[in-house]
Protein backbone atom coordinates (compact mmCIF):
# COMPACT_ATOMS: atom_id res chain seq x y z
CA UNK A 1 0.12 0.23 0.10
CA UNK A 2 2.57 3.24 0.89
CA UNK A 3 4.34 1.70 -1.63
CA UNK A 4 1.63 1.84 -4.49
CA UNK A 5 1.10 5.56 -2.80
CA UNK A 6 4.82 6.16 -3.07
CA UNK A 7 5.15 5.04 -6.64
CA UNK A 8 1.63 7.45 -7.33
CA UNK A 9 3.18 10.26 -5.41
CA UNK A 10 6.36 10.60 -7.72
CA UNK A 11 5.04 9.65 -10.36
CA UNK A 12 2.95 12.97 -10.53
CA UNK A 13 6.02 15.18 -9.17
CA UNK A 14 7.87 14.11 -11.72
CA UNK A 15 4.83 14.72 -14.28
CA UNK A 16 4.25 18.27 -12.55
CA UNK A 17 7.57 19.99 -13.14
CA UNK A 18 7.66 18.89 -16.65
CA UNK A 19 9.63 15.56 -16.44
CA UNK A 20 9.71 14.18 -20.43
CA UNK A 21 11.18 11.16 -22.13
CA UNK A 22 14.19 11.80 -24.68
CA UNK A 23 12.81 11.44 -28.02
CA UNK A 24 9.44 10.98 -26.74
CA UNK A 25 8.63 14.77 -28.09
CA UNK A 26 7.75 15.62 -31.88
CA UNK A 27 10.07 19.21 -31.91
CA UNK A 28 9.64 20.90 -34.70
CA UNK A 29 12.72 21.44 -37.59
CA UNK A 30 15.02 24.23 -37.27
CA UNK A 31 13.68 24.62 -41.51
CA UNK A 32 10.46 25.76 -41.92
CA UNK A 33 10.02 25.56 -45.48
CA UNK A 34 11.12 23.22 -47.38
CA UNK A 35 11.14 22.27 -51.13
CA UNK A 36 10.51 18.32 -52.19
CA UNK A 37 11.66 17.37 -55.21
CA UNK A 38 10.46 13.92 -55.44
CA UNK A 39 9.23 11.05 -57.94
CA UNK A 40 5.15 10.90 -56.64
CA UNK A 41 4.25 7.88 -54.98
CA UNK A 42 3.95 6.49 -51.60
CA UNK A 43 7.44 6.91 -49.63
CA UNK A 44 6.60 11.40 -51.23
CA UNK A 45 3.22 10.86 -49.11
CA UNK A 46 5.50 9.26 -46.17
CA UNK A 47 8.57 12.44 -45.62
CA UNK A 48 5.33 14.74 -46.55
CA UNK A 49 3.56 13.52 -43.62
CA UNK A 50 6.61 13.16 -42.02
CA UNK A 51 8.10 16.81 -42.10
CA UNK A 52 4.84 18.14 -41.90
CA UNK A 53 4.30 16.85 -38.16
CA UNK A 54 7.60 18.78 -37.37
CA UNK A 55 5.79 22.03 -38.41
CA UNK A 56 7.17 22.08 -41.94
CA UNK A 57 5.92 23.52 -44.30
CA UNK A 58 6.47 22.62 -48.21
CA UNK A 59 6.36 25.21 -50.55
CA UNK A 60 8.22 25.77 -54.14
CA UNK A 61 10.05 28.30 -54.17
CA UNK A 62 11.61 27.51 -50.57
CA UNK A 63 15.61 28.71 -49.14
CA UNK A 64 16.53 25.11 -49.17
CA UNK A 65 15.60 21.65 -51.18
CA UNK A 66 15.21 18.07 -50.63
CA UNK A 67 15.95 15.93 -53.50
CA UNK A 68 14.36 12.06 -53.11
CA UNK A 69 15.51 9.50 -55.91
CA UNK A 70 13.25 6.76 -56.10
CA UNK A 71 13.02 4.10 -53.90
CA UNK A 72 14.07 0.38 -54.43
CA UNK A 73 13.55 -2.11 -52.93
CA UNK A 74 15.38 -5.28 -52.08
CA UNK A 75 13.77 -8.27 -50.69
CA UNK A 76 15.72 -11.35 -49.68
CA UNK A 77 15.10 -15.27 -49.21
CA UNK A 78 16.24 -15.83 -45.53
CA UNK A 79 15.36 -19.05 -45.10
CA UNK A 80 12.68 -22.27 -46.84
CA UNK A 81 10.80 -24.19 -44.16
CA UNK A 82 9.66 -27.54 -45.15
CA UNK A 83 6.40 -26.55 -44.82
CA UNK A 84 5.89 -23.58 -47.37
CA UNK A 85 7.23 -20.88 -44.93
CA UNK A 86 9.57 -19.29 -45.47
CA UNK A 87 11.45 -15.76 -44.19
CA UNK A 88 12.36 -13.02 -46.61
CA UNK A 89 14.22 -9.53 -45.35
CA UNK A 90 12.83 -6.55 -47.24
CA UNK A 91 14.96 -3.64 -47.08
CA UNK A 92 14.03 -0.18 -48.38
CA UNK A 93 17.31 2.35 -49.76
CA UNK A 94 16.12 6.15 -51.27
CA UNK A 95 18.78 7.76 -51.92
CA UNK A 96 18.32 11.61 -51.16
CA UNK A 97 20.22 15.25 -50.98
CA UNK A 98 19.52 18.55 -50.12
CA UNK A 99 20.38 21.89 -51.78
CA UNK A 100 20.02 25.63 -51.08
CA UNK A 101 17.78 26.89 -53.57
CA UNK A 102 19.31 30.33 -54.54
CA UNK A 103 23.06 28.49 -55.54
CA UNK A 104 22.05 24.82 -55.46
CA UNK A 105 25.29 23.56 -53.49
CA UNK A 106 24.94 20.87 -51.63
CA UNK A 107 24.23 21.03 -47.81
CA UNK A 108 24.22 17.35 -47.90
CA UNK A 109 25.63 15.39 -50.93
CA UNK A 110 23.90 12.21 -52.03
CA UNK A 111 23.52 10.22 -49.21
CA UNK A 112 20.99 7.01 -48.60
CA UNK A 113 17.95 6.40 -46.20
CA UNK A 114 17.41 2.75 -45.28
CA UNK A 115 15.44 0.66 -43.18
CA UNK A 116 14.75 -3.11 -43.46
CA UNK A 117 12.80 -5.73 -41.55
CA UNK A 118 12.48 -9.20 -41.58
CA UNK A 119 8.60 -10.72 -42.19
CA UNK A 120 8.00 -14.70 -42.04
CA UNK A 121 5.59 -15.81 -44.96
CA UNK A 122 3.11 -18.89 -46.22
CA UNK A 123 3.39 -19.52 -49.78
CA UNK A 124 -0.08 -21.39 -49.45
CA UNK A 125 -1.77 -17.83 -48.69
CA UNK A 126 -0.33 -15.64 -51.61
CA UNK A 127 -3.37 -12.84 -51.25
CA UNK A 128 -2.09 -12.92 -47.60
CA UNK A 129 1.78 -12.88 -48.90
CA UNK A 130 1.33 -9.61 -50.77
CA UNK A 131 -0.75 -8.01 -48.08
CA UNK A 132 2.01 -9.30 -45.72
CA UNK A 133 4.52 -7.26 -47.99
CA UNK A 134 2.73 -4.07 -48.61
CA UNK A 135 2.10 -3.84 -44.83
CA UNK A 136 5.77 -4.17 -44.30
CA UNK A 137 6.79 -2.01 -47.26
CA UNK A 138 4.15 0.70 -45.91
CA UNK A 139 6.41 1.12 -42.16
CA UNK A 140 10.04 0.59 -43.82
CA UNK A 141 8.58 4.06 -45.63
CA UNK A 142 7.59 5.24 -42.62
CA UNK A 143 10.89 4.54 -40.51
CA UNK A 144 12.84 5.95 -43.67
CA UNK A 145 10.53 9.44 -43.93
CA UNK A 146 12.12 9.64 -40.18
CA UNK A 147 14.94 9.05 -40.93
CA UNK A 148 15.45 11.83 -43.11
CA UNK A 149 13.78 14.09 -40.63
CA UNK A 150 16.55 12.96 -38.08
CA UNK A 151 18.95 13.83 -40.44
CA UNK A 152 17.27 17.28 -41.54
CA UNK A 153 17.33 18.47 -37.21
CA UNK A 154 21.16 17.40 -37.75
CA UNK A 155 21.66 19.36 -40.34
CA UNK A 156 23.76 23.29 -39.53
CA UNK A 157 22.06 25.71 -41.59
CA UNK A 158 24.50 28.82 -42.14
């Protein structure tokens, strides 16, 4: 009883003084406006959503431009089970760069965002296999978009 009361009091005190776990807040970027130059697709949508979540506005004539190349998906078979089950590794790679719009100088030259996951698929259920792969790819796109935001957050703008 006393332990529970002490834990409740400690939790209330920590919350009251503004304690936050590191990395849980969606801090705004120091870049209020960006131009996004990318091929249309699901990764572009994930990046737009991630940037808007940080308070960054996307405009055509912003001082900085993020250039995204076409996403590349690699699928590697890791294991083959006797009953038709397989483990596969999906890897999503997206080359990108960051340029100043006024003089086209690179602030981040060609770099690559990469995210991967392992999934277990059943060869006897092809419809579920495609759905599972699509869900995994969407998750990888969101992870790569978060990586891009983290790299932009670390960028020093003169």
